N, C-alpha and C. Protein backbone atom coordinates (compact mmCIF):
# COMPACT_ATOMS: atom_id res chain seq x y z
N MET A 1 -45.34 -1.50 2.32
CA MET A 1 -44.81 -2.35 1.03
C MET A 1 -46.19 -3.16 0.51
N ALA A 2 -46.40 -2.70 -0.39
CA ALA A 2 -47.86 -3.22 -1.48
C ALA A 2 -47.62 -4.42 -2.05
N GLU A 3 -48.00 -5.86 -2.52
CA GLU A 3 -47.81 -6.77 -2.59
C GLU A 3 -47.30 -7.09 -4.23
N TYR A 4 -45.85 -7.58 -4.10
CA TYR A 4 -45.44 -7.56 -5.18
C TYR A 4 -45.15 -9.30 -5.38
N TRP A 5 -44.70 -9.75 -6.46
CA TRP A 5 -43.67 -11.12 -6.36
C TRP A 5 -41.92 -11.00 -5.80
N GLY A 6 -41.53 -9.59 -6.03
CA GLY A 6 -40.54 -9.07 -5.65
C GLY A 6 -39.94 -7.70 -5.06
N TYR A 7 -39.18 -7.55 -4.24
CA TYR A 7 -38.28 -6.44 -3.91
C TYR A 7 -36.97 -6.09 -4.57
N HIS A 8 -36.59 -5.65 -4.87
CA HIS A 8 -35.03 -5.33 -5.44
C HIS A 8 -34.21 -3.68 -4.58
N LEU A 9 -33.84 -4.11 -3.84
CA LEU A 9 -32.76 -2.38 -3.42
C LEU A 9 -31.32 -2.68 -3.81
N VAL A 10 -31.56 -1.76 -4.61
CA VAL A 10 -29.81 -1.05 -5.01
C VAL A 10 -29.17 -0.07 -4.23
N LEU A 11 -27.91 -0.51 -3.62
CA LEU A 11 -27.28 0.63 -2.29
C LEU A 11 -25.79 0.64 -3.44
N ASP A 12 -25.87 2.00 -3.90
CA ASP A 12 -24.54 2.42 -4.20
C ASP A 12 -24.28 3.89 -3.22
N CYS A 13 -22.94 2.97 -2.52
CA CYS A 13 -22.47 3.00 -1.51
C CYS A 13 -20.98 4.24 -1.50
N LYS A 14 -21.06 5.50 -1.47
CA LYS A 14 -19.98 6.39 -1.53
C LYS A 14 -18.94 6.61 -0.30
N GLY A 15 -17.79 6.21 -0.42
CA GLY A 15 -17.07 6.42 0.28
C GLY A 15 -16.74 6.02 1.94
N CYS A 16 -16.94 4.60 1.51
CA CYS A 16 -17.11 3.37 2.70
C CYS A 16 -15.83 3.56 3.60
N ASP A 17 -15.56 2.84 4.62
CA ASP A 17 -14.20 3.06 5.32
C ASP A 17 -13.49 2.31 4.86
N THR A 18 -12.62 2.28 4.13
CA THR A 18 -11.76 1.58 3.19
C THR A 18 -10.89 0.01 4.01
N LYS A 19 -10.89 0.29 5.48
CA LYS A 19 -10.04 -0.41 6.24
C LYS A 19 -11.34 -1.41 6.28
N LYS A 20 -12.54 -1.02 6.14
CA LYS A 20 -13.93 -2.19 6.83
C LYS A 20 -13.95 -2.60 5.10
N VAL A 21 -14.24 -1.78 3.84
CA VAL A 21 -14.21 -2.84 3.06
C VAL A 21 -13.01 -3.34 2.23
N THR A 22 -12.29 -4.05 2.75
CA THR A 22 -10.95 -4.47 2.62
C THR A 22 -10.93 -5.29 3.62
N SER A 23 -11.95 -6.01 4.80
CA SER A 23 -11.27 -6.63 5.63
C SER A 23 -12.54 -7.89 5.48
N ARG A 24 -12.32 -9.00 4.64
CA ARG A 24 -13.08 -10.22 4.64
C ARG A 24 -13.65 -10.60 5.75
N ASP A 25 -12.98 -10.22 6.75
CA ASP A 25 -13.91 -10.84 8.41
C ASP A 25 -15.27 -9.85 8.01
N ASN A 26 -15.09 -8.39 7.86
CA ASN A 26 -15.81 -7.44 8.44
C ASN A 26 -17.07 -7.86 7.58
N ILE A 27 -16.68 -7.62 6.07
CA ILE A 27 -18.10 -8.23 5.06
C ILE A 27 -18.36 -9.62 5.20
N TYR A 28 -17.80 -10.15 6.11
CA TYR A 28 -18.50 -12.18 6.23
C TYR A 28 -19.37 -11.38 7.71
N ASP A 29 -19.22 -10.86 8.80
CA ASP A 29 -19.77 -10.16 9.71
C ASP A 29 -20.95 -9.36 9.35
N PHE A 30 -20.78 -8.63 8.20
CA PHE A 30 -21.93 -7.28 7.62
C PHE A 30 -23.07 -8.18 7.07
N ILE A 31 -22.63 -9.87 6.28
CA ILE A 31 -23.62 -10.46 5.85
C ILE A 31 -24.44 -11.58 7.15
N LYS A 32 -23.55 -12.05 7.62
CA LYS A 32 -24.65 -12.17 8.72
C LYS A 32 -25.25 -11.64 9.91
N ILE A 33 -25.28 -10.05 10.06
CA ILE A 33 -25.70 -9.60 10.61
C ILE A 33 -27.01 -9.09 9.37
N LEU A 34 -26.91 -8.93 8.91
CA LEU A 34 -28.02 -8.28 7.81
C LEU A 34 -28.98 -9.36 7.32
N VAL A 35 -28.82 -10.61 7.20
CA VAL A 35 -29.43 -11.44 6.87
C VAL A 35 -30.06 -11.60 7.93
N LYS A 36 -29.71 -11.67 9.69
CA LYS A 36 -30.45 -11.92 10.45
C LYS A 36 -31.35 -10.55 10.57
N GLU A 37 -31.10 -9.21 10.71
CA GLU A 37 -31.67 -8.28 10.59
C GLU A 37 -33.01 -7.86 9.95
N ILE A 38 -32.74 -8.21 8.70
CA ILE A 38 -33.77 -8.30 8.15
C ILE A 38 -34.61 -9.83 7.60
N ASP A 39 -34.62 -10.74 8.42
CA ASP A 39 -35.57 -11.84 8.83
C ASP A 39 -35.22 -12.92 7.53
N MET A 40 -33.96 -13.03 7.39
CA MET A 40 -34.28 -14.11 6.06
C MET A 40 -33.41 -14.96 6.45
N LYS A 41 -33.20 -16.19 5.53
CA LYS A 41 -32.52 -17.22 5.82
C LYS A 41 -31.79 -17.63 4.80
N ALA A 42 -30.25 -17.67 5.44
CA ALA A 42 -29.20 -18.21 4.08
C ALA A 42 -29.54 -19.30 3.98
N TYR A 43 -28.92 -19.71 2.60
CA TYR A 43 -28.75 -20.87 2.48
C TYR A 43 -27.38 -21.29 2.07
N LYS A 44 -26.65 -22.15 3.33
CA LYS A 44 -25.24 -22.21 3.09
C LYS A 44 -24.74 -20.98 3.64
N GLU A 45 -23.09 -21.08 3.40
CA GLU A 45 -22.53 -20.10 4.06
C GLU A 45 -21.88 -18.83 2.36
N PRO A 46 -21.87 -17.57 2.82
CA PRO A 46 -21.61 -16.19 1.36
C PRO A 46 -20.77 -17.08 0.65
N MET A 47 -20.71 -16.49 -0.27
CA MET A 47 -19.44 -16.83 -0.95
C MET A 47 -18.27 -14.86 -1.26
N ILE A 48 -17.62 -15.43 -0.60
CA ILE A 48 -16.21 -13.94 -0.90
C ILE A 48 -15.43 -13.79 -1.16
N GLU A 49 -15.54 -13.25 -2.36
CA GLU A 49 -13.37 -13.33 -3.12
C GLU A 49 -13.05 -12.23 -3.39
N HIS A 50 -11.61 -12.45 -3.53
CA HIS A 50 -11.04 -10.71 -4.15
C HIS A 50 -10.81 -11.05 -5.96
N PHE A 51 -11.44 -10.13 -6.17
CA PHE A 51 -11.00 -9.83 -7.41
C PHE A 51 -11.11 -8.63 -8.22
N ALA A 52 -10.86 -8.33 -9.71
CA ALA A 52 -10.24 -7.91 -10.24
C ALA A 52 -8.59 -7.26 -10.27
N THR A 53 -8.01 -8.09 -9.23
CA THR A 53 -6.38 -7.47 -9.03
C THR A 53 -5.67 -6.69 -10.27
N HIS A 54 -5.89 -6.95 -11.23
CA HIS A 54 -4.88 -6.27 -12.28
C HIS A 54 -5.69 -4.99 -12.64
N ASN A 55 -6.67 -4.74 -11.65
CA ASN A 55 -7.08 -3.54 -12.48
C ASN A 55 -7.31 -2.38 -10.71
N PRO A 56 -6.65 -1.60 -10.71
CA PRO A 56 -6.17 -0.83 -8.83
C PRO A 56 -7.74 -0.05 -9.08
N ASP A 57 -8.43 0.34 -10.51
CA ASP A 57 -9.15 1.44 -10.32
C ASP A 57 -10.94 0.08 -9.51
N ALA A 58 -10.83 -0.77 -10.04
CA ALA A 58 -11.80 -1.96 -9.72
C ALA A 58 -11.53 -3.24 -8.31
N ALA A 59 -10.82 -2.86 -8.19
CA ALA A 59 -10.06 -4.11 -7.01
C ALA A 59 -10.92 -3.83 -6.05
N GLY A 60 -11.35 -5.14 -5.73
CA GLY A 60 -12.06 -5.81 -4.62
C GLY A 60 -13.01 -6.86 -3.88
N PHE A 61 -13.35 -6.99 -3.24
CA PHE A 61 -13.73 -7.90 -2.36
C PHE A 61 -15.48 -8.17 -3.08
N SER A 62 -15.81 -8.80 -3.68
CA SER A 62 -17.65 -9.26 -4.30
C SER A 62 -17.78 -10.62 -3.28
N PHE A 63 -19.23 -10.38 -3.17
CA PHE A 63 -19.72 -11.64 -2.44
C PHE A 63 -21.63 -12.01 -3.00
N VAL A 64 -21.81 -13.51 -2.77
CA VAL A 64 -22.94 -13.90 -2.83
C VAL A 64 -23.20 -14.40 -1.07
N GLN A 65 -24.72 -14.08 -1.05
CA GLN A 65 -24.80 -15.31 -0.42
C GLN A 65 -26.99 -15.01 -0.78
N LEU A 66 -26.73 -16.48 -0.88
CA LEU A 66 -27.87 -16.64 -1.38
C LEU A 66 -28.58 -16.80 -0.05
N ILE A 67 -29.93 -16.36 -0.27
CA ILE A 67 -31.18 -16.68 1.22
C ILE A 67 -32.48 -17.35 0.15
N GLU A 68 -33.42 -18.14 1.05
CA GLU A 68 -34.49 -18.82 0.59
C GLU A 68 -35.10 -18.09 -0.49
N THR A 69 -35.36 -16.22 0.00
CA THR A 69 -36.46 -15.94 -0.79
C THR A 69 -35.38 -14.92 -2.17
N SER A 70 -34.00 -15.94 -2.15
CA SER A 70 -33.27 -14.84 -3.41
C SER A 70 -31.52 -15.02 -3.22
N SER A 71 -30.72 -13.68 -3.64
CA SER A 71 -29.67 -13.47 -2.96
C SER A 71 -29.67 -11.79 -2.78
N ILE A 72 -28.57 -11.94 -1.78
CA ILE A 72 -27.70 -10.52 -1.39
C ILE A 72 -26.09 -10.73 -2.09
N THR A 73 -25.97 -9.56 -2.81
CA THR A 73 -24.71 -9.39 -3.59
C THR A 73 -24.34 -8.51 -3.52
N GLY A 74 -23.29 -8.10 -3.91
CA GLY A 74 -22.35 -6.87 -3.54
C GLY A 74 -20.82 -6.78 -4.02
N HIS A 75 -20.32 -5.36 -4.25
CA HIS A 75 -18.68 -5.25 -5.20
C HIS A 75 -18.68 -4.15 -3.54
N LEU A 76 -17.45 -4.40 -3.44
CA LEU A 76 -16.61 -3.02 -2.58
C LEU A 76 -15.09 -2.94 -3.19
N VAL A 77 -14.84 -1.89 -3.63
CA VAL A 77 -14.20 -1.39 -4.10
C VAL A 77 -12.51 -0.70 -3.09
N ASP A 78 -11.67 -1.39 -3.29
CA ASP A 78 -10.56 -1.50 -2.65
C ASP A 78 -10.04 -0.22 -2.42
N LYS A 79 -9.44 1.01 -2.90
CA LYS A 79 -9.22 1.74 -3.62
C LYS A 79 -9.58 3.38 -3.37
N ASN A 80 -11.16 3.44 -3.13
CA ASN A 80 -12.17 4.15 -2.76
C ASN A 80 -12.79 3.91 -1.81
N GLY A 81 -13.16 2.96 -1.09
CA GLY A 81 -14.23 2.43 0.08
C GLY A 81 -15.69 2.40 -1.08
N ASP A 82 -16.01 2.85 -2.06
CA ASP A 82 -17.59 2.85 -2.47
C ASP A 82 -17.47 1.34 -2.48
N ALA A 83 -18.81 1.41 -2.84
CA ALA A 83 -19.73 -0.18 -2.53
C ALA A 83 -21.03 -0.60 -3.41
N TYR A 84 -21.04 -1.18 -3.93
CA TYR A 84 -21.85 -1.75 -4.45
C TYR A 84 -23.12 -2.85 -3.98
N ILE A 85 -24.40 -2.86 -3.35
CA ILE A 85 -25.02 -3.94 -2.54
C ILE A 85 -26.54 -3.87 -3.13
N ASP A 86 -26.80 -4.97 -4.04
CA ASP A 86 -28.31 -5.32 -3.75
C ASP A 86 -28.62 -6.71 -3.06
N ILE A 87 -29.83 -6.46 -2.75
CA ILE A 87 -30.58 -7.18 -2.18
C ILE A 87 -32.14 -7.63 -2.86
N PHE A 88 -32.41 -8.99 -3.27
CA PHE A 88 -33.37 -9.48 -3.96
C PHE A 88 -34.01 -10.50 -3.07
N SER A 89 -35.32 -10.28 -3.03
CA SER A 89 -36.07 -10.94 -2.21
C SER A 89 -37.52 -10.72 -2.99
N CYS A 90 -38.28 -12.31 -2.77
CA CYS A 90 -39.31 -12.18 -2.85
C CYS A 90 -40.66 -12.01 -1.34
N LYS A 91 -39.52 -11.58 -0.22
CA LYS A 91 -39.97 -11.93 1.48
C LYS A 91 -39.54 -10.08 1.23
N GLU A 92 -40.36 -9.43 1.80
CA GLU A 92 -40.40 -7.96 2.23
C GLU A 92 -39.17 -7.70 3.29
N PHE A 93 -38.91 -6.44 3.23
CA PHE A 93 -37.42 -6.49 4.14
C PHE A 93 -37.81 -5.02 3.84
N GLU A 94 -37.41 -4.16 5.58
CA GLU A 94 -37.23 -2.87 5.49
C GLU A 94 -36.09 -2.25 5.08
N ILE A 95 -36.05 -1.11 4.43
CA ILE A 95 -35.07 -0.61 3.58
C ILE A 95 -34.05 0.18 4.84
N GLU A 96 -34.77 1.00 5.99
CA GLU A 96 -33.76 1.63 7.02
C GLU A 96 -33.24 0.58 7.55
N THR A 97 -33.87 -0.49 7.98
CA THR A 97 -32.63 -1.79 8.62
C THR A 97 -31.61 -1.80 7.96
N VAL A 98 -31.40 -2.28 6.64
CA VAL A 98 -30.65 -2.76 5.61
C VAL A 98 -29.44 -1.30 5.94
N LYS A 99 -29.97 -0.09 5.81
CA LYS A 99 -29.37 0.87 5.79
C LYS A 99 -28.76 0.78 7.34
N LYS A 100 -28.93 0.72 8.22
CA LYS A 100 -28.35 1.05 9.84
C LYS A 100 -27.46 -0.60 9.29
N VAL A 101 -27.07 -1.67 8.98
CA VAL A 101 -26.69 -2.00 9.19
C VAL A 101 -25.28 -2.14 7.98
N LEU A 102 -25.63 -1.32 7.08
CA LEU A 102 -24.73 -0.86 5.99
C LEU A 102 -23.78 0.31 7.07
N ASP A 103 -24.09 0.61 7.52
CA ASP A 103 -23.52 2.37 8.09
C ASP A 103 -22.69 1.49 9.15
N LYS A 104 -22.85 0.51 10.20
CA LYS A 104 -22.66 -0.10 11.29
C LYS A 104 -21.03 -0.53 10.78
N PHE A 105 -21.30 -1.27 9.43
CA PHE A 105 -20.32 -2.00 9.10
C PHE A 105 -19.62 -1.57 8.05
N PHE A 106 -19.76 -0.13 7.07
CA PHE A 106 -19.27 0.34 5.85
C PHE A 106 -19.22 1.39 6.63
N THR A 107 -19.67 2.58 6.98
CA THR A 107 -20.00 3.51 7.36
C THR A 107 -19.66 4.89 5.42
N PRO A 108 -20.68 4.44 5.30
CA PRO A 108 -20.47 5.51 3.83
C PRO A 108 -20.83 6.96 4.08
N LYS A 109 -20.20 7.50 3.23
CA LYS A 109 -20.44 8.76 3.58
C LYS A 109 -21.61 9.49 3.31
N LYS A 110 -22.02 8.14 1.93
CA LYS A 110 -23.02 8.81 1.34
C LYS A 110 -23.71 7.71 0.56
N ILE A 111 -25.07 7.59 0.33
CA ILE A 111 -25.53 6.20 -0.10
C ILE A 111 -27.08 6.42 -0.91
N LYS A 112 -26.96 6.06 -1.98
CA LYS A 112 -28.15 6.10 -3.31
C LYS A 112 -28.72 5.24 -3.53
N VAL A 113 -30.26 4.95 -3.11
CA VAL A 113 -31.26 4.32 -2.43
C VAL A 113 -31.99 3.94 -4.34
N THR A 114 -31.99 2.90 -4.14
CA THR A 114 -32.86 2.55 -5.52
C THR A 114 -33.98 1.41 -4.97
N PHE A 115 -35.18 1.58 -5.38
CA PHE A 115 -35.92 0.39 -4.73
C PHE A 115 -36.82 0.13 -6.16
N LEU A 116 -37.02 -1.11 -6.43
CA LEU A 116 -37.85 -1.75 -7.50
C LEU A 116 -38.63 -2.74 -7.12
N THR A 117 -39.94 -2.91 -7.22
CA THR A 117 -40.69 -3.73 -7.29
C THR A 117 -40.94 -4.88 -8.79
N ARG A 118 -41.04 -6.36 -8.40
CA ARG A 118 -41.13 -6.90 -9.80
C ARG A 118 -42.43 -7.87 -9.81
N GLN A 119 -43.05 -7.55 -10.84
CA GLN A 119 -43.92 -8.52 -11.12
C GLN A 119 -44.05 -8.69 -12.17
N ALA A 120 -44.38 -9.72 -12.66
CA ALA A 120 -44.34 -9.85 -14.58
C ALA A 120 -45.55 -9.88 -15.11
């Protein structure tokens, strides 16, 4: 990767295992392992909350893990197992490593990858 101020990975994941995306414990473990595997440093514990229970099409866990170099965020949909995960960091990281951890914890049927470099 060239040198930029920031790197932003956007992952749109289709059809993950619904048992895995609805498990707070699995989400917690995913965050902890991901931070370790991409060599980041977590700031405190992740925030993991279940939202949108009034709307069955959108209900699911959302999470935020602050890292020294920015953040890892996501929303997981209970109904269909879709997952939307973002990693933003001024420190470089390997996209393939992120995808491997994602596969291990959520087993998506399809992953759409968007990668942005940030420079003001």
